[in-house]
Structure formats: structure tokens, C-alpha cells
Amino acid sequence: MDPDQAGLFRQKLVHLEETIDECSIALEKNSYDIRAQRALFDAYDSKISTLREMAVSAQY
């Protein structure tokens, strides 16, 4: 994987981790917050997809 692509993946993962942290904090305050639940699910789903993309890119 070239350094530019690795940097983009790193930036995306940092952003996703920030989103996950924010959603987790919101859910600690109100576990019934549907928007925070959905956002947390979507962030984890995006993180999984990004990690899969990274794994595939690393093979080439």
C-alpha cells in the first residue's frame, strides 16, 4: 500500500473513532437515544468496511 493511501485510511479511521467515542458518550447519557445508536452502528459498520479495504489494499 502506498503511503498516500495509507494516510487516507488512517485519517478515515481517526474520524470514525472520534464518531464512535462521541456516540458512546451520548449513549452513556441516554441509552434510548435512537440517533446515537444508529450513528454508532453506522460508524462501526464503516470501520469494518475500511479495515477490509485496507486488508485488500495491503495484499497488492
PDB file of N, CA and C in Angstrom:
ATOM      1  N   MET A   1       0.857  -1.168   0.000  1.00  0.00           N
ATOM      2  CA  MET A   1       0.000   0.000   0.000  1.00  0.00           C
ATOM      3  C   MET A   1       0.909   1.238   0.000  1.00  0.00           C
ATOM      4  N   ASP A   2       0.575   2.178  -0.864  1.00  0.00           N
ATOM      5  CA  ASP A   2       1.425   3.368  -0.917  1.00  0.00           C
ATOM      6  C   ASP A   2       1.133   4.296   0.265  1.00  0.00           C
ATOM      7  N   PRO A   3       2.092   5.131   0.606  1.00  0.00           N
ATOM      8  CA  PRO A   3       1.957   5.988   1.788  1.00  0.00           C
ATOM      9  C   PRO A   3       0.747   6.934   1.730  1.00  0.00           C
ATOM     10  N   ASP A   4       0.431   7.456   0.547  1.00  0.00           N
ATOM     11  CA  ASP A   4      -0.725   8.359   0.433  1.00  0.00           C
ATOM     12  C   ASP A   4      -2.020   7.635   0.766  1.00  0.00           C
ATOM     13  N   GLN A   5      -2.159   6.437   0.243  1.00  0.00           N
ATOM     14  CA  GLN A   5      -3.363   5.648   0.511  1.00  0.00           C
ATOM     15  C   GLN A   5      -3.426   5.272   1.994  1.00  0.00           C
ATOM     16  N   ALA A   6      -2.301   4.910   2.568  1.00  0.00           N
ATOM     17  CA  ALA A   6      -2.257   4.574   3.997  1.00  0.00           C
ATOM     18  C   ALA A   6      -2.662   5.780   4.837  1.00  0.00           C
ATOM     19  N   GLY A   7      -2.216   6.966   4.439  1.00  0.00           N
ATOM     20  CA  GLY A   7      -2.579   8.181   5.157  1.00  0.00           C
ATOM     21  C   GLY A   7      -4.076   8.455   5.092  1.00  0.00           C
ATOM     22  N   LEU A   8      -4.685   8.210   3.939  1.00  0.00           N
ATOM     23  CA  LEU A   8      -6.133   8.402   3.806  1.00  0.00           C
ATOM     24  C   LEU A   8      -6.902   7.424   4.690  1.00  0.00           C
ATOM     25  N   PHE A   9      -6.447   6.182   4.705  1.00  0.00           N
ATOM     26  CA  PHE A   9      -7.088   5.192   5.580  1.00  0.00           C
ATOM     27  C   PHE A   9      -6.954   5.609   7.043  1.00  0.00           C
ATOM     28  N   ARG A  10      -5.769   6.077   7.420  1.00  0.00           N
ATOM     29  CA  ARG A  10      -5.522   6.492   8.791  1.00  0.00           C
ATOM     30  C   ARG A  10      -6.447   7.645   9.184  1.00  0.00           C
ATOM     31  N   GLN A  11      -6.586   8.630   8.290  1.00  0.00           N
ATOM     32  CA  GLN A  11      -7.474   9.767   8.559  1.00  0.00           C
ATOM     33  C   GLN A  11      -8.920   9.309   8.723  1.00  0.00           C
ATOM     34  N   LYS A  12      -9.340   8.406   7.857  1.00  0.00           N
ATOM     35  CA  LYS A  12     -10.715   7.911   7.922  1.00  0.00           C
ATOM     36  C   LYS A  12     -10.955   7.170   9.229  1.00  0.00           C
ATOM     37  N   LEU A  13      -9.988   6.352   9.647  1.00  0.00           N
ATOM     38  CA  LEU A  13     -10.134   5.611  10.896  1.00  0.00           C
ATOM     39  C   LEU A  13     -10.142   6.534  12.112  1.00  0.00           C
ATOM     40  N   VAL A  14      -9.337   7.584  12.081  1.00  0.00           N
ATOM     41  CA  VAL A  14      -9.333   8.550  13.187  1.00  0.00           C
ATOM     42  C   VAL A  14     -10.700   9.210  13.286  1.00  0.00           C
ATOM     43  N   HIS A  15     -11.247   9.617  12.144  1.00  0.00           N
ATOM     44  CA  HIS A  15     -12.577  10.237  12.133  1.00  0.00           C
ATOM     45  C   HIS A  15     -13.636   9.269  12.667  1.00  0.00           C
ATOM     46  N   LEU A  16     -13.573   8.021  12.238  1.00  0.00           N
ATOM     47  CA  LEU A  16     -14.547   7.029  12.700  1.00  0.00           C
ATOM     48  C   LEU A  16     -14.417   6.793  14.203  1.00  0.00           C
ATOM     49  N   GLU A  17     -13.203   6.749  14.719  1.00  0.00           N
ATOM     50  CA  GLU A  17     -13.006   6.569  16.161  1.00  0.00           C
ATOM     51  C   GLU A  17     -13.572   7.746  16.947  1.00  0.00           C
ATOM     52  N   GLU A  18     -13.399   8.950  16.413  1.00  0.00           N
ATOM     53  CA  GLU A  18     -13.976  10.125  17.072  1.00  0.00           C
ATOM     54  C   GLU A  18     -15.503  10.031  17.108  1.00  0.00           C
ATOM     55  N   THR A  19     -16.083   9.604  15.995  1.00  0.00           N
ATOM     56  CA  THR A  19     -17.535   9.441  15.928  1.00  0.00           C
ATOM     57  C   THR A  19     -18.004   8.378  16.903  1.00  0.00           C
ATOM     58  N   ILE A  20     -17.282   7.270  16.971  1.00  0.00           N
ATOM     59  CA  ILE A  20     -17.632   6.187  17.898  1.00  0.00           C
ATOM     60  C   ILE A  20     -17.571   6.690  19.341  1.00  0.00           C
ATOM     61  N   ASP A  21     -16.532   7.445  19.659  1.00  0.00           N
ATOM     62  CA  ASP A  21     -16.403   7.995  21.015  1.00  0.00           C
ATOM     63  C   ASP A  21     -17.562   8.939  21.346  1.00  0.00           C
ATOM     64  N   GLU A  22     -17.898   9.832  20.418  1.00  0.00           N
ATOM     65  CA  GLU A  22     -18.989  10.785  20.640  1.00  0.00           C
ATOM     66  C   GLU A  22     -20.322  10.064  20.848  1.00  0.00           C
ATOM     67  N   CYS A  23     -20.576   9.060  20.032  1.00  0.00           N
ATOM     68  CA  CYS A  23     -21.828   8.305  20.151  1.00  0.00           C
ATOM     69  C   CYS A  23     -21.875   7.534  21.468  1.00  0.00           C
ATOM     70  N   SER A  24     -20.751   6.973  21.854  1.00  0.00           N
ATOM     71  CA  SER A  24     -20.701   6.228  23.110  1.00  0.00           C
ATOM     72  C   SER A  24     -20.990   7.139  24.297  1.00  0.00           C
ATOM     73  N   ILE A  25     -20.435   8.343  24.260  1.00  0.00           N
ATOM     74  CA  ILE A  25     -20.694   9.310  25.328  1.00  0.00           C
ATOM     75  C   ILE A  25     -22.173   9.684  25.346  1.00  0.00           C
ATOM     76  N   ALA A  26     -22.744   9.923  24.177  1.00  0.00           N
ATOM     77  CA  ALA A  26     -24.168  10.272  24.101  1.00  0.00           C
ATOM     78  C   ALA A  26     -25.031   9.142  24.649  1.00  0.00           C
ATOM     79  N   LEU A  27     -24.637   7.911  24.361  1.00  0.00           N
ATOM     80  CA  LEU A  27     -25.426   6.766  24.837  1.00  0.00           C
ATOM     81  C   LEU A  27     -25.240   6.523  26.332  1.00  0.00           C
ATOM     82  N   GLU A  28     -24.102   6.926  26.882  1.00  0.00           N
ATOM     83  CA  GLU A  28     -23.933   6.837  28.334  1.00  0.00           C
ATOM     84  C   GLU A  28     -24.905   7.784  29.038  1.00  0.00           C
ATOM     85  N   LYS A  29     -25.145   8.927  28.413  1.00  0.00           N
ATOM     86  CA  LYS A  29     -26.069   9.910  28.976  1.00  0.00           C
ATOM     87  C   LYS A  29     -27.529   9.499  28.780  1.00  0.00           C
ATOM     88  N   ASN A  30     -27.821   8.897  27.631  1.00  0.00           N
ATOM     89  CA  ASN A  30     -29.191   8.492  27.316  1.00  0.00           C
ATOM     90  C   ASN A  30     -29.149   7.252  26.422  1.00  0.00           C
ATOM     91  N   SER A  31     -29.286   6.099  27.030  1.00  0.00           N
ATOM     92  CA  SER A  31     -29.177   4.842  26.279  1.00  0.00           C
ATOM     93  C   SER A  31     -30.337   4.626  25.313  1.00  0.00           C
ATOM     94  N   TYR A  32     -31.367   5.462  25.392  1.00  0.00           N
ATOM     95  CA  TYR A  32     -32.518   5.327  24.492  1.00  0.00           C
ATOM     96  C   TYR A  32     -32.421   6.239  23.274  1.00  0.00           C
ATOM     97  N   ASP A  33     -31.314   6.934  23.120  1.00  0.00           N
ATOM     98  CA  ASP A  33     -31.132   7.862  22.001  1.00  0.00           C
ATOM     99  C   ASP A  33     -30.960   7.064  20.700  1.00  0.00           C
ATOM    100  N   ILE A  34     -32.033   7.011  19.940  1.00  0.00           N
ATOM    101  CA  ILE A  34     -32.042   6.209  18.707  1.00  0.00           C
ATOM    102  C   ILE A  34     -31.039   6.744  17.685  1.00  0.00           C
ATOM    103  N   ARG A  35     -30.934   8.061  17.580  1.00  0.00           N
ATOM    104  CA  ARG A  35     -29.978   8.639  16.617  1.00  0.00           C
ATOM    105  C   ARG A  35     -28.544   8.251  16.962  1.00  0.00           C
ATOM    106  N   ALA A  36     -28.202   8.312  18.232  1.00  0.00           N
ATOM    107  CA  ALA A  36     -26.851   7.940  18.660  1.00  0.00           C
ATOM    108  C   ALA A  36     -26.609   6.447  18.442  1.00  0.00           C
ATOM    109  N   GLN A  37     -27.620   5.631  18.696  1.00  0.00           N
ATOM    110  CA  GLN A  37     -27.492   4.191  18.465  1.00  0.00           C
ATOM    111  C   GLN A  37     -27.221   3.914  16.991  1.00  0.00           C
ATOM    112  N   ARG A  38     -27.996   4.564  16.124  1.00  0.00           N
ATOM    113  CA  ARG A  38     -27.850   4.352  14.683  1.00  0.00           C
ATOM    114  C   ARG A  38     -26.490   4.856  14.195  1.00  0.00           C
ATOM    115  N   ALA A  39     -26.097   6.034  14.683  1.00  0.00           N
ATOM    116  CA  ALA A  39     -24.811   6.599  14.286  1.00  0.00           C
ATOM    117  C   ALA A  39     -23.658   5.701  14.737  1.00  0.00           C
ATOM    118  N   LEU A  40     -23.777   5.137  15.934  1.00  0.00           N
ATOM    119  CA  LEU A  40     -22.747   4.230  16.442  1.00  0.00           C
ATOM    120  C   LEU A  40     -22.667   2.975  15.580  1.00  0.00           C
ATOM    121  N   PHE A  41     -23.817   2.409  15.260  1.00  0.00           N
ATOM    122  CA  PHE A  41     -23.851   1.228  14.395  1.00  0.00           C
ATOM    123  C   PHE A  41     -23.220   1.549  13.043  1.00  0.00           C
ATOM    124  N   ASP A  42     -23.604   2.678  12.453  1.00  0.00           N
ATOM    125  CA  ASP A  42     -23.070   3.058  11.138  1.00  0.00           C
ATOM    126  C   ASP A  42     -21.566   3.281  11.190  1.00  0.00           C
ATOM    127  N   ALA A  43     -21.078   3.890  12.273  1.00  0.00           N
ATOM    128  CA  ALA A  43     -19.644   4.132  12.407  1.00  0.00           C
ATOM    129  C   ALA A  43     -18.871   2.816  12.513  1.00  0.00           C
ATOM    130  N   TYR A  44     -19.387   1.884  13.302  1.00  0.00           N
ATOM    131  CA  TYR A  44     -18.725   0.573  13.393  1.00  0.00           C
ATOM    132  C   TYR A  44     -18.775  -0.165  12.056  1.00  0.00           C
ATOM    133  N   ASP A  45     -19.887  -0.052  11.359  1.00  0.00           N
ATOM    134  CA  ASP A  45     -20.023  -0.693  10.050  1.00  0.00           C
ATOM    135  C   ASP A  45     -19.004  -0.097   9.068  1.00  0.00           C
ATOM    136  N   SER A  46     -18.859   1.221   9.082  1.00  0.00           N
ATOM    137  CA  SER A  46     -17.878   1.884   8.219  1.00  0.00           C
ATOM    138  C   SER A  46     -16.450   1.502   8.603  1.00  0.00           C
ATOM    139  N   LYS A  47     -16.210   1.358   9.892  1.00  0.00           N
ATOM    140  CA  LYS A  47     -14.872   0.969  10.339  1.00  0.00           C
ATOM    141  C   LYS A  47     -14.526  -0.436   9.833  1.00  0.00           C
ATOM    142  N   ILE A  48     -15.468  -1.333   9.925  1.00  0.00           N
ATOM    143  CA  ILE A  48     -15.247  -2.700   9.427  1.00  0.00           C
ATOM    144  C   ILE A  48     -14.958  -2.676   7.933  1.00  0.00           C
ATOM    145  N   SER A  49     -15.756  -1.917   7.185  1.00  0.00           N
ATOM    146  CA  SER A  49     -15.549  -1.818   5.731  1.00  0.00           C
ATOM    147  C   SER A  49     -14.179  -1.235   5.414  1.00  0.00           C
ATOM    148  N   THR A  50     -13.786  -0.209   6.157  1.00  0.00           N
ATOM    149  CA  THR A  50     -12.491   0.425   5.928  1.00  0.00           C
ATOM    150  C   THR A  50     -11.352  -0.544   6.229  1.00  0.00           C
ATOM    151  N   LEU A  51     -11.462  -1.282   7.312  1.00  0.00           N
ATOM    152  CA  LEU A  51     -10.415  -2.250   7.650  1.00  0.00           C
ATOM    153  C   LEU A  51     -10.331  -3.354   6.602  1.00  0.00           C
ATOM    154  N   ARG A  52     -11.467  -3.761   6.061  1.00  0.00           N
ATOM    155  CA  ARG A  52     -11.456  -4.759   4.972  1.00  0.00           C
ATOM    156  C   ARG A  52     -10.778  -4.195   3.732  1.00  0.00           C
ATOM    157  N   GLU A  53     -11.094  -2.938   3.382  1.00  0.00           N
ATOM    158  CA  GLU A  53     -10.445  -2.299   2.244  1.00  0.00           C
ATOM    159  C   GLU A  53      -8.934  -2.232   2.453  1.00  0.00           C
ATOM    160  N   MET A  54      -8.526  -1.907   3.668  1.00  0.00           N
ATOM    161  CA  MET A  54      -7.099  -1.839   3.970  1.00  0.00           C
ATOM    162  C   MET A  54      -6.433  -3.197   3.786  1.00  0.00           C
ATOM    163  N   ALA A  55      -7.099  -4.238   4.243  1.00  0.00           N
ATOM    164  CA  ALA A  55      -6.530  -5.587   4.125  1.00  0.00           C
ATOM    165  C   ALA A  55      -6.360  -5.974   2.658  1.00  0.00           C
ATOM    166  N   VAL A  56      -7.353  -5.655   1.857  1.00  0.00           N
ATOM    167  CA  VAL A  56      -7.270  -5.972   0.429  1.00  0.00           C
ATOM    168  C   VAL A  56      -6.178  -5.139  -0.234  1.00  0.00           C
ATOM    169  N   SER A  57      -6.095  -3.867   0.089  1.00  0.00           N
ATOM    170  CA  SER A  57      -5.084  -2.987  -0.495  1.00  0.00           C
ATOM    171  C   SER A  57      -3.676  -3.413  -0.109  1.00  0.00           C
ATOM    172  N   ALA A  58      -3.524  -3.922   1.099  1.00  0.00           N
ATOM    173  CA  ALA A  58      -2.205  -4.335   1.576  1.00  0.00           C
ATOM    174  C   ALA A  58      -1.685  -5.559   0.825  1.00  0.00           C
ATOM    175  N   GLN A  59      -2.596  -6.305   0.230  1.00  0.00           N
ATOM    176  CA  GLN A  59      -2.182  -7.514  -0.494  1.00  0.00           C
ATOM    177  C   GLN A  59      -1.549  -7.192  -1.848  1.00  0.00           C
ATOM    178  N   TYR A  60      -1.735  -5.979  -2.324  1.00  0.00           N
ATOM    179  CA  TYR A  60      -1.244  -5.619  -3.671  1.00  0.00           C
ATOM    180  C   TYR A  60      -0.085  -4.686  -3.642  1.00  0.00           C
TER     181      TYR A  60
END
